[in-house]
C-alpha atoms as a PDB file:
ATOM      1  CA  PRO A   1      -9.464  -4.888  -0.671  1.00  0.00           C
ATOM      2  CA  LYS A   2      -8.720  -6.316   2.761  1.00  0.00           C
ATOM      3  CA  ALA A   3      -5.719  -3.996   3.220  1.00  0.00           C
ATOM      4  CA  GLY A   4      -5.887  -0.250   2.663  1.00  0.00           C
ATOM      5  CA  VAL A   5      -2.730  -0.245   0.571  1.00  0.00           C
ATOM      6  CA  PHE A   6      -4.641  -1.922  -2.281  1.00  0.00           C
ATOM      7  CA  ALA A   7      -7.522   0.531  -2.058  1.00  0.00           C
ATOM      8  CA  GLU A   8      -4.988   3.373  -2.061  1.00  0.00           C
ATOM      9  CA  GLY A   9      -3.323   2.000  -5.203  1.00  0.00           C
ATOM     10  CA  GLN A  10      -6.639   1.533  -6.963  1.00  0.00           C
ATOM     11  CA  ALA A  11      -7.818   5.011  -5.983  1.00  0.00           C
ATOM     12  CA  ALA A  12      -4.726   6.671  -7.458  1.00  0.00           C
ATOM     13  CA  VAL A  13      -5.296   4.954 -10.808  1.00  0.00           C
ATOM     14  CA  VAL A  14      -9.005   5.801 -10.806  1.00  0.00           C
ATOM     15  CA  ALA A  15      -8.268   9.462 -10.013  1.00  0.00           C
ATOM     16  CA  GLU A  16      -5.750   9.641 -12.865  1.00  0.00           C
ATOM     17  CA  ALA A  17      -8.269   8.021 -15.226  1.00  0.00           C
ATOM     18  CA  ILE A  18     -10.996  10.515 -14.293  1.00  0.00           C
ATOM     19  CA  ILE A  19      -8.636  13.446 -14.839  1.00  0.00           C
ATOM     20  CA  ALA A  20      -7.478  12.029 -18.195  1.00  0.00           C
ATOM     21  CA  GLN A  21     -11.073  11.481 -19.326  1.00  0.00           C
ATOM     22  CA  HIS A  22     -12.011  15.027 -18.294  1.00  0.00           C
ATOM     23  CA  ARG A  23      -9.083  16.351 -20.343  1.00  0.00           C
ATOM     24  CA  GLY A  24      -9.934  14.125 -23.296  1.00  0.00           C
ATOM     25  CA  GLU A  25      -6.655  12.238 -22.928  1.00  0.00           C
ATOM     26  CA  PRO A  26      -6.090   8.466 -22.947  1.00  0.00           C
ATOM     27  CA  GLN A  27      -5.668   6.612 -19.695  1.00  0.00           C
ATOM     28  CA  GLN A  28      -1.942   6.204 -19.071  1.00  0.00           C
ATOM     29  CA  ARG A  29      -1.823   3.708 -16.223  1.00  0.00           C
ATOM     30  CA  TRP A  30      -3.709   0.635 -15.046  1.00  0.00           C
ATOM     31  CA  TYR A  31      -3.780  -0.796 -11.538  1.00  0.00           C
ATOM     32  CA  ASP A  32      -1.192  -3.569 -11.273  1.00  0.00           C
ATOM     33  CA  GLY A  33      -2.546  -5.190  -8.087  1.00  0.00           C
ATOM     34  CA  HIS A  34       0.689  -4.661  -6.175  1.00  0.00           C
ATOM     35  CA  GLY A  35       0.887  -3.747  -2.515  1.00  0.00           C
ATOM     36  CA  ILE A  36       2.969  -4.052   0.630  1.00  0.00           C
ATOM     37  CA  CYS A  37       1.448  -4.542   4.047  1.00  0.00           C
ATOM     38  CA  TYR A  38       2.669  -5.428   7.503  1.00  0.00           C
ATOM     39  CA  LEU A  39       1.587  -8.091   9.968  1.00  0.00           C
ATOM     40  CA  ASP A  40       2.174  -7.631  13.682  1.00  0.00           C
ATOM     41  CA  PHE A  41       3.058 -10.840  15.541  1.00  0.00           C
ATOM     42  CA  GLY A  42       3.480  -9.255  18.994  1.00  0.00           C
ATOM     43  CA  ASP A  43       6.641  -9.023  21.080  1.00  0.00           C
ATOM     44  CA  GLY A  44       7.961  -6.419  18.616  1.00  0.00           C
ATOM     45  CA  ARG A  45       7.957  -8.866  15.704  1.00  0.00           C
ATOM     46  CA  VAL A  46       6.638  -7.686  12.337  1.00  0.00           C
ATOM     47  CA  ALA A  47       6.395  -9.374   8.939  1.00  0.00           C
ATOM     48  CA  GLU A  48       6.310  -7.616   5.567  1.00  0.00           C
ATOM     49  CA  VAL A  49       4.134  -9.019   2.784  1.00  0.00           C
ATOM     50  CA  ASP A  50       4.926  -7.800  -0.735  1.00  0.00           C
ATOM     51  CA  VAL A  51       2.217  -9.236  -2.974  1.00  0.00           C
ATOM     52  CA  THR A  52       0.499  -8.775  -6.318  1.00  0.00           C
ATOM     53  CA  PHE A  53      -3.127  -9.690  -6.943  1.00  0.00           C
ATOM     54  CA  ALA A  54      -3.483  -9.570 -10.728  1.00  0.00           C
ATOM     55  CA  ALA A  55      -6.704 -10.495 -12.528  1.00  0.00           C
ATOM     56  CA  GLY A  56      -6.591 -14.024 -13.900  1.00  0.00           C
ATOM     57  CA  GLU A  57      -3.462 -14.959 -11.930  1.00  0.00           C
ATOM     58  CA  ALA A  58      -2.838 -16.584  -8.583  1.00  0.00           C
ATOM     59  CA  PRO A  59      -1.557 -14.080  -5.999  1.00  0.00           C
ATOM     60  CA  HIS A  60       2.228 -14.022  -5.883  1.00  0.00           C
ATOM     61  CA  GLY A  61       4.736 -12.295  -3.673  1.00  0.00           C
ATOM     62  CA  THR A  62       7.183 -12.562  -0.827  1.00  0.00           C
ATOM     63  CA  LEU A  63       7.091 -12.664   2.949  1.00  0.00           C
ATOM     64  CA  GLN A  64       9.894 -11.294   5.110  1.00  0.00           C
ATOM     65  CA  GLY A  65      10.034 -11.968   8.812  1.00  0.00           C
ATOM     66  CA  PRO A  66       8.628 -11.895  11.296  1.00  0.00           C
ATOM     67  CA  SER A  67      11.481 -10.002  12.910  1.00  0.00           C
ATOM     68  CA  THR A  68      12.022  -7.055  15.208  1.00  0.00           C
ATOM     69  CA  GLY A  69      14.043  -5.322  12.487  1.00  0.00           C
ATOM     70  CA  LEU A  70      10.948  -4.777  10.337  1.00  0.00           C
ATOM     71  CA  GLN A  71       9.364  -2.530  12.990  1.00  0.00           C
ATOM     72  CA  VAL A  72      11.221   0.399  11.426  1.00  0.00           C
ATOM     73  CA  HIS A  73       9.718  -0.289   7.980  1.00  0.00           C
ATOM     74  CA  LYS A  74       6.222  -0.585   9.445  1.00  0.00           C
ATOM     75  CA  GLY A  75       6.680   2.681  11.330  1.00  0.00           C
ATOM     76  CA  GLU A  76       7.931   4.525   8.245  1.00  0.00           C
ATOM     77  CA  PHE A  77       5.018   3.140   6.223  1.00  0.00           C
ATOM     78  CA  GLY A  78       2.468   4.399   8.767  1.00  0.00           C
ATOM     79  CA  THR A  79       4.164   7.751   9.225  1.00  0.00           C
ATOM     80  CA  SER A  80       4.260   8.390   5.470  1.00  0.00           C
ATOM     81  CA  ARG A  81       0.537   7.621   5.138  1.00  0.00           C
ATOM     82  CA  VAL A  82      -0.462   9.959   7.961  1.00  0.00           C
ATOM     83  CA  LYS A  83       1.649  12.733   6.399  1.00  0.00           C
ATOM     84  CA  ARG A  84       0.221  12.172   2.897  1.00  0.00           C
ATOM     85  CA  TRP A  85      -3.416  11.674   3.896  1.00  0.00           C
ATOM     86  CA  PHE A  86      -3.749  14.176   6.745  1.00  0.00           C
ATOM     87  CA  ASN A  87      -0.774  16.489   6.165  1.00  0.00           C
ATOM     88  CA  ARG A  88       0.462  16.074   9.710  1.00  0.00           C
ATOM     89  CA  ASP A  89       3.168  14.261  11.552  1.00  0.00           C
ATOM     90  CA  TRP A  90       2.305  11.060  13.396  1.00  0.00           C
ATOM     91  CA  SER A  91       2.125  11.295  17.148  1.00  0.00           C
ATOM     92  CA  VAL A  92       0.880   8.852  19.733  1.00  0.00           C
ATOM     93  CA  ARG A  93      -1.778  10.412  21.947  1.00  0.00           C
END
């Protein structure tokens, strides 16, 4: 994946599949190819791409922006990842 959000989504499904296999249970979920990522255009303008890359299908999704209003969404997205992955609050150093 070119964006980490897709690798993150795939990894969650793979982890669940490994746990299910270890427990002798059927796999409950398959990766759907969906992800949201942000593009920075400078001058405080951000765009949000909500896209699905499904096997055998052309990619499909939506693009919002660019706008300054999407900075908040991008910030929340980054902050939530730092908290989940590293168990700490985001701070600029």
